[in-house]
Amino acid sequence: MTADRLVLLNQVEWFHLDRPVLVWPGQTYWVDRDTDELCLDRGDARITRASGGVCRCRRRGRP
């Protein structure tokens, strides 16, 4: 996903970060399922990684 505005992420869908991550407009982010990390393409030839984990819990009212 590419951020269209400044955003502070603490989770991306089912993936919960250990620490919040600031993403600037135009930066791209995705979850690497092999390493359980959020990857951020900062746009200047560097990739930043942030650790986290998958929430496997059930939400109330959902199977």
Protein backbone atom coordinates (compact mmCIF):
# COMPACT_ATOMS: atom_id res chain seq x y z
CA MET A 1 0.00 0.00 0.00
CA THR A 2 1.12 3.53 -0.65
CA ALA A 3 0.34 6.16 1.98
CA ASP A 4 -1.65 9.10 0.63
CA ARG A 5 -1.14 11.11 3.85
CA LEU A 6 1.01 11.10 6.98
CA VAL A 7 -0.07 8.15 9.10
CA LEU A 8 1.04 6.53 12.36
CA LEU A 9 0.56 2.76 12.07
CA ASN A 10 0.21 0.43 15.04
CA GLN A 11 -1.46 -2.33 13.04
CA VAL A 12 -2.06 -3.22 9.41
CA GLU A 13 -5.21 -5.35 9.16
CA TRP A 14 -4.30 -8.54 11.09
CA PHE A 15 -0.66 -7.59 11.70
CA HIS A 16 0.13 -5.81 15.00
CA LEU A 17 3.38 -3.86 15.30
CA ASP A 18 5.59 -3.97 18.40
CA ARG A 19 5.97 -0.17 18.13
CA PRO A 20 4.04 2.42 16.10
CA VAL A 21 5.64 3.42 12.78
CA LEU A 22 5.36 6.81 11.06
CA VAL A 23 4.70 6.58 7.30
CA TRP A 24 4.98 9.70 5.12
CA PRO A 25 2.88 10.37 2.01
CA GLY A 26 4.18 8.49 -1.03
CA GLN A 27 5.96 5.82 1.01
CA THR A 28 4.99 2.21 0.35
CA TYR A 29 4.50 -0.43 3.05
CA TRP A 30 3.72 -4.14 3.13
CA VAL A 31 3.89 -7.10 5.52
CA ASP A 32 6.60 -9.70 4.92
CA ARG A 33 4.85 -12.89 6.00
CA ASP A 34 8.09 -14.88 6.03
CA THR A 35 9.79 -12.70 8.67
CA ASP A 36 6.74 -11.17 10.43
CA GLU A 37 7.94 -7.64 9.73
CA LEU A 38 6.37 -4.54 8.28
CA CYS A 39 8.53 -3.30 5.39
CA LEU A 40 8.57 0.36 4.39
CA ASP A 41 10.02 1.65 1.14
CA ARG A 42 11.13 5.12 2.20
CA GLY A 43 11.66 6.15 -1.44
CA ASP A 44 15.38 6.87 -1.14
CA ALA A 45 16.68 3.37 -1.94
CA ARG A 46 16.29 2.07 1.62
CA ILE A 47 13.82 -0.33 3.12
CA THR A 48 12.97 0.02 6.81
CA ARG A 49 11.68 -3.02 8.72
CA ALA A 50 9.55 -3.03 11.88
CA SER A 51 8.81 -6.17 13.87
CA GLY A 52 5.41 -7.33 14.96
CA GLY A 53 3.13 -10.32 14.84
CA VAL A 54 -0.07 -11.72 13.44
CA CYS A 55 -3.16 -11.51 15.61
CA ARG A 56 -4.74 -14.93 15.43
CA CYS A 57 -7.48 -14.12 17.93
CA ARG A 58 -11.15 -14.07 17.04
CA ARG A 59 -13.10 -10.84 17.10
CA ARG A 60 -16.36 -10.65 18.96
CA GLY A 61 -19.26 -11.60 16.74
CA ARG A 62 -17.04 -13.06 14.01
CA PRO A 63 -16.12 -16.71 13.52
